[in-house]
Amino acid sequence: MTAITPPDQEAREAVRSHLDVTMLVEAAAGTGKTTSLVDRYHLCFALGKAYEDRGEYAESWGYYERGNALKRAESRYRPELIELNTANQRSVCTRKFFEQRTGYGVANTAPIFV
């Protein structure tokens, strides 16, 4: 049985080998491309640990920084949005706000799980 080479094999190799470049990868389910992106930051963390174990801390730090940058780039978490949302909620949900709404809602005290 002959292995089929994907038409984008060159791009896949670039994802694996160019750890110093941030890349945007378009990937459909089951193509293995998202695994390649995860492999990139795992490799950076592994190299960081290997250099750390050898006492080569500057090199180690560089790989840890790169791994974290790659991981951060794929994350949707933005702490500044959480902080803004919390500040907005605090400005609206005051004691007065709730006092003005006394008696609203359902009287049942059972918890609601969303």
N, C-alpha and C. Protein backbone atom coordinates (compact mmCIF):
# COMPACT_ATOMS: atom_id res chain seq x y z
N MET A 1 0.85 -1.18 0.00
CA MET A 1 0.00 0.00 0.00
C MET A 1 0.90 1.24 0.00
N THR A 2 0.65 2.14 -0.90
CA THR A 2 1.46 3.34 -1.05
C THR A 2 0.84 4.49 -0.27
N ALA A 3 1.69 5.19 0.49
CA ALA A 3 1.20 6.34 1.25
C ALA A 3 0.93 7.50 0.29
N ILE A 4 -0.15 8.21 0.55
CA ILE A 4 -0.52 9.36 -0.28
C ILE A 4 0.06 10.61 0.37
N THR A 5 0.77 11.39 -0.42
CA THR A 5 1.33 12.65 0.07
C THR A 5 0.30 13.74 -0.12
N PRO A 6 -0.07 14.43 0.97
CA PRO A 6 -1.04 15.51 0.83
C PRO A 6 -0.49 16.62 -0.06
N PRO A 7 -1.36 17.29 -0.81
CA PRO A 7 -0.88 18.35 -1.71
C PRO A 7 -0.23 19.52 -0.97
N ASP A 8 -0.54 19.66 0.31
CA ASP A 8 0.03 20.76 1.10
C ASP A 8 1.16 20.29 2.01
N GLN A 9 1.83 19.20 1.63
CA GLN A 9 2.87 18.62 2.48
C GLN A 9 3.98 19.62 2.80
N GLU A 10 4.33 20.46 1.84
CA GLU A 10 5.39 21.44 2.08
C GLU A 10 4.98 22.42 3.19
N ALA A 11 3.72 22.85 3.16
CA ALA A 11 3.22 23.75 4.21
C ALA A 11 3.19 23.04 5.56
N ARG A 12 2.82 21.77 5.57
CA ARG A 12 2.80 21.01 6.82
C ARG A 12 4.20 20.92 7.43
N GLU A 13 5.19 20.71 6.58
CA GLU A 13 6.58 20.64 7.05
C GLU A 13 7.02 21.99 7.61
N ALA A 14 6.59 23.07 6.97
CA ALA A 14 6.94 24.41 7.46
C ALA A 14 6.36 24.64 8.85
N VAL A 15 5.13 24.17 9.08
CA VAL A 15 4.50 24.32 10.40
C VAL A 15 5.34 23.63 11.46
N ARG A 16 5.85 22.45 11.14
CA ARG A 16 6.65 21.69 12.11
C ARG A 16 8.05 22.26 12.33
N SER A 17 8.63 22.82 11.29
CA SER A 17 10.04 23.17 11.39
C SER A 17 10.34 24.64 11.66
N HIS A 18 9.46 25.55 11.32
CA HIS A 18 9.72 26.98 11.51
C HIS A 18 9.10 27.46 12.81
N LEU A 19 9.71 27.11 13.92
CA LEU A 19 9.16 27.45 15.23
C LEU A 19 9.27 28.93 15.55
N ASP A 20 10.09 29.65 14.81
CA ASP A 20 10.28 31.07 15.07
C ASP A 20 9.29 31.95 14.32
N VAL A 21 8.37 31.34 13.59
CA VAL A 21 7.41 32.09 12.77
C VAL A 21 5.99 31.77 13.24
N THR A 22 5.19 32.82 13.45
CA THR A 22 3.78 32.62 13.78
C THR A 22 3.04 32.42 12.46
N MET A 23 2.23 31.37 12.41
CA MET A 23 1.54 31.02 11.16
C MET A 23 0.04 30.93 11.39
N LEU A 24 -0.70 31.27 10.37
CA LEU A 24 -2.15 31.07 10.35
C LEU A 24 -2.39 29.84 9.50
N VAL A 25 -3.05 28.86 10.08
CA VAL A 25 -3.28 27.60 9.38
C VAL A 25 -4.78 27.38 9.26
N GLU A 26 -5.23 27.19 8.04
CA GLU A 26 -6.64 26.85 7.79
C GLU A 26 -6.73 25.34 7.82
N ALA A 27 -7.61 24.81 8.67
CA ALA A 27 -7.66 23.36 8.84
C ALA A 27 -9.08 22.86 8.93
N ALA A 28 -9.37 21.83 8.17
CA ALA A 28 -10.67 21.15 8.27
C ALA A 28 -10.54 20.00 9.25
N ALA A 29 -11.65 19.57 9.79
CA ALA A 29 -11.64 18.46 10.75
C ALA A 29 -11.02 17.22 10.12
N GLY A 30 -10.15 16.57 10.88
CA GLY A 30 -9.57 15.32 10.45
C GLY A 30 -8.35 15.44 9.56
N THR A 31 -7.88 16.65 9.31
CA THR A 31 -6.72 16.82 8.42
C THR A 31 -5.39 16.68 9.15
N GLY A 32 -5.42 16.77 10.46
CA GLY A 32 -4.19 16.67 11.24
C GLY A 32 -3.45 17.98 11.40
N LYS A 33 -3.97 19.05 10.81
CA LYS A 33 -3.27 20.32 10.88
C LYS A 33 -3.30 20.93 12.27
N THR A 34 -4.41 20.80 12.98
CA THR A 34 -4.45 21.36 14.33
C THR A 34 -3.49 20.61 15.24
N THR A 35 -3.31 19.32 15.00
CA THR A 35 -2.34 18.55 15.76
C THR A 35 -0.94 19.10 15.52
N SER A 36 -0.65 19.50 14.27
CA SER A 36 0.66 20.09 13.97
C SER A 36 0.88 21.37 14.76
N LEU A 37 -0.16 22.18 14.92
CA LEU A 37 -0.03 23.42 15.68
C LEU A 37 0.24 23.13 17.15
N VAL A 38 -0.46 22.17 17.70
CA VAL A 38 -0.23 21.77 19.09
C VAL A 38 1.18 21.20 19.24
N ASP A 39 1.60 20.40 18.27
CA ASP A 39 2.95 19.84 18.31
C ASP A 39 4.01 20.94 18.36
N ARG A 40 3.75 22.06 17.70
CA ARG A 40 4.73 23.16 17.68
C ARG A 40 5.00 23.67 19.09
N TYR A 41 3.95 23.98 19.84
CA TYR A 41 4.23 24.52 21.17
C TYR A 41 4.69 23.45 22.14
N HIS A 42 4.24 22.22 21.95
CA HIS A 42 4.75 21.14 22.81
C HIS A 42 6.25 20.94 22.57
N LEU A 43 6.66 21.02 21.30
CA LEU A 43 8.08 20.89 20.99
C LEU A 43 8.87 22.03 21.63
N CYS A 44 8.35 23.24 21.56
CA CYS A 44 9.04 24.37 22.20
C CYS A 44 9.19 24.15 23.70
N PHE A 45 8.13 23.68 24.35
CA PHE A 45 8.20 23.42 25.79
C PHE A 45 9.20 22.31 26.09
N ALA A 46 9.21 21.27 25.27
CA ALA A 46 10.15 20.16 25.47
C ALA A 46 11.60 20.64 25.29
N LEU A 47 11.83 21.46 24.26
CA LEU A 47 13.18 21.99 24.05
C LEU A 47 13.57 22.93 25.19
N GLY A 48 12.61 23.72 25.66
CA GLY A 48 12.88 24.59 26.79
C GLY A 48 13.31 23.80 28.01
N LYS A 49 12.61 22.71 28.27
CA LYS A 49 12.94 21.86 29.42
C LYS A 49 14.30 21.19 29.23
N ALA A 50 14.57 20.72 28.02
CA ALA A 50 15.86 20.07 27.76
C ALA A 50 17.01 21.04 27.97
N TYR A 51 16.89 22.24 27.45
CA TYR A 51 17.96 23.24 27.65
C TYR A 51 18.06 23.64 29.12
N GLU A 52 16.93 23.72 29.80
CA GLU A 52 16.96 24.05 31.23
C GLU A 52 17.72 22.97 32.00
N ASP A 53 17.43 21.71 31.69
CA ASP A 53 18.11 20.60 32.37
C ASP A 53 19.62 20.62 32.12
N ARG A 54 20.04 21.17 30.99
CA ARG A 54 21.47 21.26 30.66
C ARG A 54 22.09 22.53 31.23
N GLY A 55 21.29 23.37 31.87
CA GLY A 55 21.81 24.60 32.44
C GLY A 55 21.96 25.72 31.43
N GLU A 56 21.41 25.55 30.25
CA GLU A 56 21.48 26.58 29.20
C GLU A 56 20.21 27.43 29.28
N TYR A 57 20.19 28.30 30.28
CA TYR A 57 18.96 28.99 30.64
C TYR A 57 18.49 30.03 29.62
N ALA A 58 19.40 30.71 28.97
CA ALA A 58 18.98 31.69 27.96
C ALA A 58 18.27 31.00 26.80
N GLU A 59 18.85 29.92 26.32
CA GLU A 59 18.25 29.14 25.23
C GLU A 59 16.91 28.55 25.69
N SER A 60 16.90 28.04 26.92
CA SER A 60 15.69 27.47 27.49
C SER A 60 14.57 28.51 27.54
N TRP A 61 14.89 29.67 28.07
CA TRP A 61 13.91 30.74 28.20
C TRP A 61 13.32 31.11 26.85
N GLY A 62 14.17 31.16 25.84
CA GLY A 62 13.70 31.50 24.49
C GLY A 62 12.65 30.51 23.99
N TYR A 63 12.89 29.23 24.22
CA TYR A 63 11.91 28.22 23.79
C TYR A 63 10.64 28.28 24.62
N TYR A 64 10.76 28.53 25.92
CA TYR A 64 9.56 28.68 26.75
C TYR A 64 8.73 29.88 26.28
N GLU A 65 9.42 30.99 25.98
CA GLU A 65 8.70 32.17 25.48
C GLU A 65 7.98 31.87 24.17
N ARG A 66 8.68 31.18 23.28
CA ARG A 66 8.07 30.86 21.98
C ARG A 66 6.89 29.92 22.15
N GLY A 67 7.02 28.90 22.98
CA GLY A 67 5.91 27.97 23.23
C GLY A 67 4.70 28.69 23.81
N ASN A 68 4.95 29.59 24.74
CA ASN A 68 3.85 30.35 25.33
C ASN A 68 3.20 31.28 24.32
N ALA A 69 4.00 31.89 23.45
CA ALA A 69 3.45 32.77 22.41
C ALA A 69 2.58 31.97 21.45
N LEU A 70 3.03 30.79 21.06
CA LEU A 70 2.24 29.95 20.17
C LEU A 70 0.94 29.51 20.83
N LYS A 71 1.01 29.12 22.09
CA LYS A 71 -0.17 28.69 22.83
C LYS A 71 -1.14 29.86 22.99
N ARG A 72 -0.62 31.02 23.33
CA ARG A 72 -1.45 32.21 23.51
C ARG A 72 -2.15 32.60 22.20
N ALA A 73 -1.46 32.44 21.08
CA ALA A 73 -2.02 32.83 19.78
C ALA A 73 -3.24 32.00 19.42
N GLU A 74 -3.30 30.77 19.90
CA GLU A 74 -4.45 29.93 19.56
C GLU A 74 -5.60 30.05 20.58
N SER A 75 -5.36 30.75 21.66
CA SER A 75 -6.35 30.90 22.72
C SER A 75 -7.24 32.11 22.47
N ARG A 76 -8.50 31.98 22.80
CA ARG A 76 -9.43 33.11 22.70
C ARG A 76 -9.50 33.89 24.01
N TYR A 77 -8.83 33.42 25.03
CA TYR A 77 -8.88 34.08 26.34
C TYR A 77 -8.18 35.42 26.29
N ARG A 78 -8.90 36.45 26.69
CA ARG A 78 -8.34 37.80 26.76
C ARG A 78 -8.74 38.38 28.12
N PRO A 79 -7.80 38.45 29.06
CA PRO A 79 -8.14 38.91 30.41
C PRO A 79 -8.70 40.32 30.43
N GLU A 80 -8.29 41.18 29.51
CA GLU A 80 -8.81 42.55 29.50
C GLU A 80 -10.31 42.57 29.21
N LEU A 81 -10.81 41.61 28.44
CA LEU A 81 -12.26 41.54 28.18
C LEU A 81 -13.01 41.10 29.43
N ILE A 82 -12.44 40.18 30.17
CA ILE A 82 -13.05 39.73 31.44
C ILE A 82 -13.09 40.89 32.42
N GLU A 83 -12.00 41.64 32.51
CA GLU A 83 -11.94 42.78 33.42
C GLU A 83 -12.96 43.85 33.03
N LEU A 84 -13.10 44.12 31.74
CA LEU A 84 -14.07 45.11 31.28
C LEU A 84 -15.50 44.64 31.56
N ASN A 85 -15.78 43.37 31.30
CA ASN A 85 -17.10 42.81 31.56
C ASN A 85 -17.44 42.89 33.05
N THR A 86 -16.48 42.54 33.89
CA THR A 86 -16.69 42.60 35.34
C THR A 86 -16.95 44.03 35.79
N ALA A 87 -16.17 44.97 35.29
CA ALA A 87 -16.38 46.38 35.64
C ALA A 87 -17.76 46.86 35.21
N ASN A 88 -18.17 46.47 34.01
CA ASN A 88 -19.51 46.85 33.53
C ASN A 88 -20.61 46.25 34.40
N GLN A 89 -20.47 44.99 34.78
CA GLN A 89 -21.47 44.36 35.63
C GLN A 89 -21.54 45.04 37.00
N ARG A 90 -20.37 45.38 37.54
CA ARG A 90 -20.35 46.06 38.85
C ARG A 90 -21.01 47.43 38.78
N SER A 91 -20.86 48.12 37.65
CA SER A 91 -21.46 49.45 37.54
C SER A 91 -22.98 49.36 37.39
N VAL A 92 -23.48 48.27 36.83
CA VAL A 92 -24.93 48.11 36.64
C VAL A 92 -25.59 47.43 37.84
N CYS A 93 -24.97 46.39 38.34
CA CYS A 93 -25.59 45.55 39.38
C CYS A 93 -25.30 46.11 40.77
N THR A 94 -25.84 47.27 41.05
CA THR A 94 -25.65 47.91 42.35
C THR A 94 -26.76 47.49 43.30
N ARG A 95 -26.59 47.85 44.55
CA ARG A 95 -27.62 47.57 45.56
C ARG A 95 -28.94 48.21 45.12
N LYS A 96 -28.87 49.45 44.65
CA LYS A 96 -30.07 50.16 44.20
C LYS A 96 -30.75 49.42 43.04
N PHE A 97 -29.96 48.92 42.11
CA PHE A 97 -30.48 48.17 40.97
C PHE A 97 -31.35 47.00 41.46
N PHE A 98 -30.83 46.24 42.44
CA PHE A 98 -31.57 45.08 42.93
C PHE A 98 -32.75 45.48 43.82
N GLU A 99 -32.59 46.54 44.59
CA GLU A 99 -33.70 47.02 45.40
C GLU A 99 -34.87 47.44 44.53
N GLN A 100 -34.60 48.07 43.41
CA GLN A 100 -35.67 48.50 42.49
C GLN A 100 -36.37 47.31 41.84
N ARG A 101 -35.79 46.14 41.92
CA ARG A 101 -36.36 44.96 41.28
C ARG A 101 -36.85 43.93 42.30
N THR A 102 -37.06 44.36 43.50
CA THR A 102 -37.57 43.47 44.54
C THR A 102 -38.91 42.90 44.07
N GLY A 103 -39.05 41.59 44.21
CA GLY A 103 -40.29 40.93 43.80
C GLY A 103 -40.29 40.44 42.37
N TYR A 104 -39.27 40.80 41.59
CA TYR A 104 -39.17 40.32 40.21
C TYR A 104 -38.78 38.84 40.22
N GLY A 105 -39.05 38.17 39.15
CA GLY A 105 -38.56 36.80 38.98
C GLY A 105 -39.47 35.76 39.58
N VAL A 106 -38.95 34.58 39.73
CA VAL A 106 -39.69 33.43 40.23
C VAL A 106 -39.37 33.25 41.72
N ALA A 107 -40.38 32.92 42.49
CA ALA A 107 -40.22 32.79 43.94
C ALA A 107 -39.50 31.50 44.33
N ASN A 108 -39.42 30.53 43.46
CA ASN A 108 -38.77 29.26 43.76
C ASN A 108 -37.29 29.50 44.08
N THR A 109 -36.80 28.92 45.17
CA THR A 109 -35.41 29.12 45.58
C THR A 109 -34.46 28.04 45.08
N ALA A 110 -34.98 27.09 44.30
CA ALA A 110 -34.12 26.02 43.78
C ALA A 110 -33.07 26.63 42.83
N PRO A 111 -31.85 26.11 42.87
CA PRO A 111 -30.81 26.65 41.99
C PRO A 111 -31.13 26.38 40.52
N ILE A 112 -30.66 27.25 39.68
CA ILE A 112 -30.80 27.10 38.23
C ILE A 112 -29.41 26.86 37.67
N PHE A 113 -29.26 25.76 36.99
CA PHE A 113 -27.98 25.43 36.37
C PHE A 113 -28.03 25.75 34.89
N VAL A 114 -27.09 26.58 34.46
CA VAL A 114 -27.06 27.00 33.05
C VAL A 114 -25.85 26.40 32.38
